[in-house]
């Protein structure tokens, strides 16, 4: 699936829920389904700067694709990073770097997150794109 197809699928998933409590529960569930990050990457050098909660993010490059693993010490934040991993992981660095993440606005995340969580989400996106750009530069 392309990044846009995954975004469209998430938009449809979120439209299924009537209220934001149900949507938060779904986000939390996504965090529970997040593939475990290897313990060696739960170090300060893998923390995303700009997140109030601790969020560790690691990018691996395999067969022309970026594979993200992540974790957080907060359940909603872990769900948010899980959401981003679902959308961006397993795509080429170029696809990730050039992606327009329209689903964030379309599912209403920005207006339903606290300012600190919204800033954290932006920091996650920036870091994931930065990893992709760095990996792309190393492979060309």
N, C-alpha and C. Protein backbone atom coordinates (compact mmCIF):
# COMPACT_ATOMS: atom_id res chain seq x y z
N UNK A 1 0.84 -1.19 0.00
CA UNK A 1 0.00 0.00 0.00
C UNK A 1 0.88 1.25 0.00
N UNK A 2 0.41 2.28 -0.67
CA UNK A 2 1.14 3.55 -0.67
C UNK A 2 0.83 4.31 0.63
N UNK A 3 1.62 5.33 0.89
CA UNK A 3 1.38 6.17 2.07
C UNK A 3 -0.01 6.78 2.00
N UNK A 4 -0.41 7.26 0.84
CA UNK A 4 -1.73 7.87 0.71
C UNK A 4 -2.86 6.84 0.90
N UNK A 5 -2.66 5.62 0.42
CA UNK A 5 -3.68 4.59 0.63
C UNK A 5 -3.84 4.27 2.12
N UNK A 6 -2.72 4.24 2.84
CA UNK A 6 -2.80 4.00 4.28
C UNK A 6 -3.49 5.17 4.97
N UNK A 7 -3.16 6.38 4.56
CA UNK A 7 -3.83 7.55 5.14
C UNK A 7 -5.34 7.50 4.89
N UNK A 8 -5.72 7.16 3.67
CA UNK A 8 -7.15 7.08 3.34
C UNK A 8 -7.85 6.00 4.17
N UNK A 9 -7.15 4.89 4.41
CA UNK A 9 -7.70 3.82 5.23
C UNK A 9 -7.89 4.31 6.69
N UNK A 10 -6.93 5.05 7.20
CA UNK A 10 -7.05 5.60 8.56
C UNK A 10 -8.19 6.61 8.66
N UNK A 11 -8.33 7.43 7.64
CA UNK A 11 -9.42 8.41 7.63
C UNK A 11 -10.76 7.67 7.70
N UNK A 12 -10.89 6.61 6.94
CA UNK A 12 -12.12 5.80 6.96
C UNK A 12 -12.30 5.13 8.33
N UNK A 13 -11.21 4.62 8.91
CA UNK A 13 -11.29 4.01 10.24
C UNK A 13 -11.78 5.00 11.28
N UNK A 14 -11.22 6.20 11.28
CA UNK A 14 -11.59 7.21 12.26
C UNK A 14 -13.01 7.72 12.05
N UNK A 15 -13.48 7.74 10.80
CA UNK A 15 -14.85 8.19 10.51
C UNK A 15 -15.87 7.23 11.12
N UNK A 16 -15.48 6.01 11.35
CA UNK A 16 -16.35 4.99 11.92
C UNK A 16 -16.75 5.31 13.36
N UNK A 17 -15.88 6.04 14.08
CA UNK A 17 -16.14 6.36 15.49
C UNK A 17 -16.95 7.64 15.63
N UNK A 18 -17.90 7.60 16.56
CA UNK A 18 -18.80 8.74 16.75
C UNK A 18 -18.22 9.88 17.57
N UNK A 19 -17.41 9.54 18.57
CA UNK A 19 -16.90 10.59 19.45
C UNK A 19 -15.40 10.41 19.68
N UNK A 20 -14.81 11.44 20.29
CA UNK A 20 -13.37 11.42 20.47
C UNK A 20 -12.90 10.45 21.55
N UNK A 21 -13.73 10.08 22.47
CA UNK A 21 -13.32 9.06 23.44
C UNK A 21 -13.05 7.74 22.72
N UNK A 22 -13.92 7.39 21.78
CA UNK A 22 -13.73 6.16 21.00
C UNK A 22 -12.48 6.27 20.12
N UNK A 23 -12.25 7.46 19.58
CA UNK A 23 -11.07 7.66 18.74
C UNK A 23 -9.79 7.55 19.57
N UNK A 24 -9.81 8.09 20.79
CA UNK A 24 -8.65 7.95 21.68
C UNK A 24 -8.41 6.49 22.03
N UNK A 25 -9.47 5.75 22.25
CA UNK A 25 -9.32 4.32 22.54
C UNK A 25 -8.67 3.60 21.36
N UNK A 26 -9.05 3.98 20.15
CA UNK A 26 -8.46 3.40 18.95
C UNK A 26 -6.96 3.75 18.86
N UNK A 27 -6.63 5.00 19.16
CA UNK A 27 -5.23 5.44 19.14
C UNK A 27 -4.42 4.63 20.18
N UNK A 28 -5.00 4.44 21.35
CA UNK A 28 -4.34 3.65 22.39
C UNK A 28 -4.13 2.21 21.91
N UNK A 29 -5.13 1.66 21.24
CA UNK A 29 -5.02 0.30 20.71
C UNK A 29 -3.89 0.20 19.68
N UNK A 30 -3.75 1.24 18.84
CA UNK A 30 -2.66 1.25 17.86
C UNK A 30 -1.31 1.23 18.57
N UNK A 31 -1.23 1.90 19.70
CA UNK A 31 0.01 1.89 20.48
C UNK A 31 0.31 0.51 21.02
N UNK A 32 -0.73 -0.21 21.42
CA UNK A 32 -0.53 -1.57 21.94
C UNK A 32 -0.07 -2.53 20.85
N UNK A 33 -0.42 -2.23 19.60
CA UNK A 33 -0.05 -3.09 18.48
C UNK A 33 1.31 -2.73 17.88
N UNK A 34 1.91 -1.67 18.39
CA UNK A 34 3.19 -1.20 17.87
C UNK A 34 4.27 -2.26 18.08
N UNK A 35 4.99 -2.62 17.01
CA UNK A 35 6.07 -3.60 17.18
C UNK A 35 7.08 -3.07 18.21
N UNK A 36 7.55 -3.95 19.08
CA UNK A 36 8.46 -3.53 20.14
C UNK A 36 9.79 -3.03 19.57
N UNK A 37 10.25 -1.94 20.13
CA UNK A 37 11.56 -1.42 19.76
C UNK A 37 12.61 -2.23 20.53
N UNK A 38 13.70 -2.51 19.90
CA UNK A 38 14.78 -3.24 20.55
C UNK A 38 15.30 -2.40 21.72
N UNK A 39 15.59 -3.06 22.84
CA UNK A 39 16.03 -2.36 24.05
C UNK A 39 17.26 -1.48 23.82
N UNK A 40 18.10 -1.86 22.88
CA UNK A 40 19.30 -1.06 22.61
C UNK A 40 18.99 0.33 22.07
N UNK A 41 17.77 0.53 21.58
CA UNK A 41 17.37 1.84 21.03
C UNK A 41 16.58 2.68 22.03
N UNK A 42 16.39 2.17 23.23
CA UNK A 42 15.71 2.96 24.25
C UNK A 42 16.75 3.73 25.07
N UNK A 43 17.49 4.54 24.33
CA UNK A 43 18.54 5.39 24.91
C UNK A 43 18.24 6.83 24.52
N UNK A 44 18.88 7.75 25.23
CA UNK A 44 18.65 9.18 24.99
C UNK A 44 18.88 9.60 23.55
N UNK A 45 19.84 8.97 22.87
CA UNK A 45 20.14 9.38 21.50
C UNK A 45 18.99 9.09 20.53
N UNK A 46 18.05 8.24 20.93
CA UNK A 46 16.90 7.91 20.08
C UNK A 46 15.63 8.61 20.52
N UNK A 47 15.73 9.44 21.56
CA UNK A 47 14.55 10.19 22.02
C UNK A 47 14.21 11.28 21.01
N UNK A 48 12.94 11.49 20.81
CA UNK A 48 12.50 12.58 19.93
C UNK A 48 12.45 13.85 20.76
N UNK A 49 13.18 14.84 20.32
CA UNK A 49 13.19 16.13 21.01
C UNK A 49 11.90 16.86 20.67
N UNK A 50 11.32 17.50 21.66
CA UNK A 50 10.08 18.25 21.43
C UNK A 50 8.85 17.53 21.92
N UNK A 51 9.02 16.30 22.40
CA UNK A 51 7.90 15.56 22.98
C UNK A 51 7.97 15.68 24.49
N UNK A 52 6.83 15.95 25.11
CA UNK A 52 6.77 16.03 26.55
C UNK A 52 6.99 14.65 27.17
N UNK A 53 6.39 13.64 26.59
CA UNK A 53 6.60 12.26 27.02
C UNK A 53 7.88 11.76 26.37
N UNK A 54 8.39 10.67 26.89
CA UNK A 54 9.55 10.07 26.25
C UNK A 54 9.07 9.24 25.06
N UNK A 55 9.67 9.51 23.91
CA UNK A 55 9.36 8.77 22.69
C UNK A 55 10.68 8.39 22.04
N UNK A 56 10.88 7.09 21.92
CA UNK A 56 12.09 6.58 21.26
C UNK A 56 11.70 6.17 19.84
N UNK A 57 12.54 6.52 18.89
CA UNK A 57 12.29 6.19 17.50
C UNK A 57 13.58 5.71 16.85
N UNK A 58 13.49 4.60 16.15
CA UNK A 58 14.64 4.07 15.44
C UNK A 58 14.22 3.77 14.00
N UNK A 59 15.12 4.07 13.08
CA UNK A 59 14.88 3.78 11.67
C UNK A 59 15.93 2.81 11.18
N UNK A 60 15.48 1.79 10.51
CA UNK A 60 16.37 0.79 9.91
C UNK A 60 16.11 0.82 8.40
N UNK A 61 17.14 0.56 7.64
CA UNK A 61 17.00 0.58 6.17
C UNK A 61 17.22 -0.83 5.65
N UNK A 62 16.16 -1.39 5.05
CA UNK A 62 16.23 -2.76 4.51
C UNK A 62 15.56 -2.81 3.15
N UNK A 63 16.27 -3.35 2.19
CA UNK A 63 15.72 -3.57 0.85
C UNK A 63 15.08 -2.31 0.25
N UNK A 64 15.72 -1.18 0.45
CA UNK A 64 15.23 0.07 -0.13
C UNK A 64 14.08 0.71 0.62
N UNK A 65 13.78 0.18 1.81
CA UNK A 65 12.67 0.72 2.58
C UNK A 65 13.11 1.05 4.01
N UNK A 66 12.45 2.05 4.57
CA UNK A 66 12.72 2.45 5.95
C UNK A 66 11.74 1.72 6.86
N UNK A 67 12.27 1.06 7.87
CA UNK A 67 11.45 0.36 8.85
C UNK A 67 11.61 1.09 10.18
N UNK A 68 10.51 1.63 10.68
CA UNK A 68 10.55 2.35 11.94
C UNK A 68 10.08 1.44 13.08
N UNK A 69 10.75 1.57 14.22
CA UNK A 69 10.26 1.00 15.46
C UNK A 69 10.26 2.13 16.47
N UNK A 70 9.35 2.05 17.43
CA UNK A 70 9.21 3.15 18.38
C UNK A 70 8.59 2.67 19.67
N UNK A 71 8.65 3.52 20.68
CA UNK A 71 7.99 3.26 21.95
C UNK A 71 7.83 4.59 22.67
N UNK A 72 6.96 4.60 23.65
CA UNK A 72 6.76 5.78 24.48
C UNK A 72 6.38 5.35 25.88
N UNK A 73 6.61 6.24 26.83
CA UNK A 73 6.23 5.95 28.21
C UNK A 73 4.81 6.43 28.53
N UNK A 74 4.11 6.97 27.55
CA UNK A 74 2.73 7.45 27.74
C UNK A 74 1.82 6.77 26.72
N UNK A 75 0.65 6.29 27.16
CA UNK A 75 -0.18 5.45 26.29
C UNK A 75 -0.72 6.18 25.06
N UNK A 76 -1.18 7.40 25.21
CA UNK A 76 -1.70 8.11 24.03
C UNK A 76 -0.56 8.47 23.08
N UNK A 77 0.55 8.91 23.65
CA UNK A 77 1.70 9.24 22.81
C UNK A 77 2.21 8.01 22.08
N UNK A 78 2.20 6.87 22.75
CA UNK A 78 2.60 5.62 22.11
C UNK A 78 1.65 5.31 20.95
N UNK A 79 0.37 5.60 21.14
CA UNK A 79 -0.60 5.42 20.06
C UNK A 79 -0.34 6.35 18.89
N UNK A 80 0.04 7.59 19.21
CA UNK A 80 0.33 8.56 18.14
C UNK A 80 1.55 8.14 17.33
N UNK A 81 2.59 7.70 18.02
CA UNK A 81 3.77 7.25 17.28
C UNK A 81 3.44 5.96 16.52
N UNK A 82 2.57 5.14 17.09
CA UNK A 82 2.11 3.94 16.39
C UNK A 82 1.38 4.28 15.10
N UNK A 83 0.60 5.34 15.16
CA UNK A 83 -0.12 5.84 13.99
C UNK A 83 0.88 6.26 12.90
N UNK A 84 1.91 6.99 13.32
CA UNK A 84 2.91 7.47 12.37
C UNK A 84 3.73 6.31 11.79
N UNK A 85 4.06 5.34 12.63
CA UNK A 85 4.80 4.16 12.14
C UNK A 85 3.95 3.42 11.11
N UNK A 86 2.67 3.29 11.41
CA UNK A 86 1.77 2.58 10.48
C UNK A 86 1.75 3.27 9.11
N UNK A 87 1.76 4.59 9.11
CA UNK A 87 1.68 5.33 7.85
C UNK A 87 3.01 5.35 7.10
N UNK A 88 4.12 5.57 7.82
CA UNK A 88 5.39 5.84 7.14
C UNK A 88 6.34 4.66 7.03
N UNK A 89 6.21 3.68 7.89
CA UNK A 89 7.15 2.56 7.87
C UNK A 89 6.96 1.70 6.62
N UNK A 90 8.05 1.12 6.17
CA UNK A 90 8.05 0.19 5.05
C UNK A 90 7.85 0.88 3.70
N UNK A 91 8.33 2.10 3.63
CA UNK A 91 8.30 2.86 2.37
C UNK A 91 9.72 3.34 2.06
N UNK A 92 9.93 3.76 0.85
CA UNK A 92 11.26 4.25 0.47
C UNK A 92 11.52 5.59 1.15
N UNK A 93 12.81 5.92 1.36
CA UNK A 93 13.13 7.22 1.95
C UNK A 93 12.51 8.38 1.17
N UNK A 94 12.53 8.27 -0.16
CA UNK A 94 11.98 9.34 -0.99
C UNK A 94 10.47 9.50 -0.77
N UNK A 95 9.75 8.38 -0.70
CA UNK A 95 8.30 8.45 -0.45
C UNK A 95 8.01 9.12 0.89
N UNK A 96 8.78 8.76 1.91
CA UNK A 96 8.57 9.32 3.25
C UNK A 96 8.88 10.81 3.25
N UNK A 97 10.03 11.16 2.70
CA UNK A 97 10.45 12.57 2.68
C UNK A 97 9.47 13.45 1.92
N UNK A 98 8.87 12.91 0.86
CA UNK A 98 7.97 13.71 0.02
C UNK A 98 6.50 13.60 0.42
N UNK A 99 6.21 12.79 1.42
CA UNK A 99 4.80 12.57 1.77
C UNK A 99 4.15 13.81 2.38
N UNK A 100 2.90 13.98 2.03
CA UNK A 100 2.07 15.04 2.64
C UNK A 100 1.09 14.30 3.56
N UNK A 101 1.23 14.52 4.84
CA UNK A 101 0.43 13.77 5.81
C UNK A 101 -0.89 14.49 6.10
N UNK A 102 -1.79 14.40 5.14
CA UNK A 102 -3.08 15.08 5.22
C UNK A 102 -4.04 14.43 6.20
N UNK A 103 -3.80 13.18 6.56
CA UNK A 103 -4.73 12.48 7.45
C UNK A 103 -4.80 13.13 8.82
N UNK A 104 -3.70 13.75 9.28
CA UNK A 104 -3.66 14.37 10.60
C UNK A 104 -4.78 15.42 10.72
N UNK A 105 -4.92 16.26 9.70
CA UNK A 105 -5.99 17.27 9.70
C UNK A 105 -7.35 16.63 9.46
N UNK A 106 -7.41 15.68 8.54
CA UNK A 106 -8.72 15.12 8.17
C UNK A 106 -9.38 14.31 9.27
N UNK A 107 -8.59 13.68 10.14
CA UNK A 107 -9.22 12.94 11.23
C UNK A 107 -9.44 13.83 12.45
N UNK A 108 -8.97 15.09 12.38
CA UNK A 108 -9.21 16.03 13.47
C UNK A 108 -8.22 15.95 14.61
N UNK A 109 -7.08 15.35 14.37
CA UNK A 109 -6.10 15.18 15.45
C UNK A 109 -5.63 16.52 16.02
N UNK A 110 -5.30 17.46 15.14
CA UNK A 110 -4.72 18.72 15.61
C UNK A 110 -5.61 19.43 16.61
N UNK A 111 -6.90 19.49 16.33
CA UNK A 111 -7.79 20.22 17.24
C UNK A 111 -8.19 19.43 18.48
N UNK A 112 -7.90 18.14 18.51
CA UNK A 112 -8.27 17.33 19.67
C UNK A 112 -7.07 16.92 20.53
N UNK A 113 -5.89 17.36 20.15
CA UNK A 113 -4.71 17.10 20.98
C UNK A 113 -4.36 18.35 21.77
N UNK A 114 -3.82 18.16 22.95
CA UNK A 114 -3.34 19.30 23.72
C UNK A 114 -2.18 19.92 22.93
N UNK A 115 -1.88 21.20 23.18
CA UNK A 115 -0.77 21.84 22.45
C UNK A 115 0.55 21.07 22.59
N UNK A 116 0.82 20.52 23.77
CA UNK A 116 2.08 19.78 23.94
C UNK A 116 2.08 18.49 23.14
N UNK A 117 0.94 17.80 23.08
CA UNK A 117 0.87 16.57 22.27
C UNK A 117 0.94 16.90 20.78
N UNK A 118 0.29 17.98 20.37
CA UNK A 118 0.34 18.39 18.96
C UNK A 118 1.78 18.72 18.56
N UNK A 119 2.50 19.42 19.43
CA UNK A 119 3.91 19.71 19.15
C UNK A 119 4.72 18.43 19.08
N UNK A 120 4.43 17.50 19.98
CA UNK A 120 5.11 16.22 19.98
C UNK A 120 4.87 15.46 18.69
N UNK A 121 3.63 15.49 18.20
CA UNK A 121 3.29 14.82 16.94
C UNK A 121 4.09 15.43 15.79
N UNK A 122 4.18 16.74 15.76
CA UNK A 122 4.97 17.41 14.71
C UNK A 122 6.44 17.02 14.82
N UNK A 123 6.93 16.90 16.05
CA UNK A 123 8.33 16.48 16.25
C UNK A 123 8.55 15.06 15.74
N UNK A 124 7.57 14.18 15.97
CA UNK A 124 7.67 12.81 15.46
C UNK A 124 7.77 12.81 13.94
N UNK A 125 6.88 13.56 13.30
CA UNK A 125 6.85 13.63 11.83
C UNK A 125 8.18 14.16 11.30
N UNK A 126 8.67 15.25 11.92
CA UNK A 126 9.94 15.84 11.48
C UNK A 126 11.07 14.83 11.61
N UNK A 127 11.12 14.12 12.74
CA UNK A 127 12.21 13.17 12.97
C UNK A 127 12.14 12.01 11.98
N UNK A 128 10.94 11.53 11.70
CA UNK A 128 10.79 10.42 10.75
C UNK A 128 11.23 10.85 9.35
N UNK A 129 10.85 12.06 8.96
CA UNK A 129 11.26 12.56 7.64
C UNK A 129 12.78 12.80 7.60
N UNK A 130 13.33 13.28 8.71
CA UNK A 130 14.76 13.50 8.79
C UNK A 130 15.53 12.19 8.66
N UNK A 131 15.07 11.15 9.35
CA UNK A 131 15.68 9.83 9.19
C UNK A 131 15.63 9.40 7.73
N UNK A 132 14.49 9.59 7.08
CA UNK A 132 14.33 9.17 5.69
C UNK A 132 15.29 9.94 4.78
N UNK A 133 15.39 11.24 4.99
CA UNK A 133 16.29 12.08 4.16
C UNK A 133 17.75 11.65 4.37
N UNK A 134 18.11 11.38 5.63
CA UNK A 134 19.47 10.94 5.95
C UNK A 134 19.76 9.59 5.29
N UNK A 135 18.83 8.67 5.40
CA UNK A 135 19.02 7.35 4.77
C UNK A 135 19.08 7.46 3.25
N UNK A 136 18.26 8.34 2.70
CA UNK A 136 18.27 8.55 1.25
C UNK A 136 19.63 9.09 0.79
N UNK A 137 20.18 10.02 1.56
CA UNK A 137 21.48 10.59 1.20
C UNK A 137 22.59 9.54 1.28
N UNK A 138 22.49 8.63 2.24
CA UNK A 138 23.51 7.59 2.40
C UNK A 138 23.46 6.55 1.28
N UNK A 139 22.30 6.41 0.65
CA UNK A 139 22.15 5.36 -0.36
C UNK A 139 22.35 5.85 -1.79
N UNK A 140 22.47 7.15 -1.95
CA UNK A 140 22.64 7.67 -3.32
C UNK A 140 24.08 8.06 -3.60
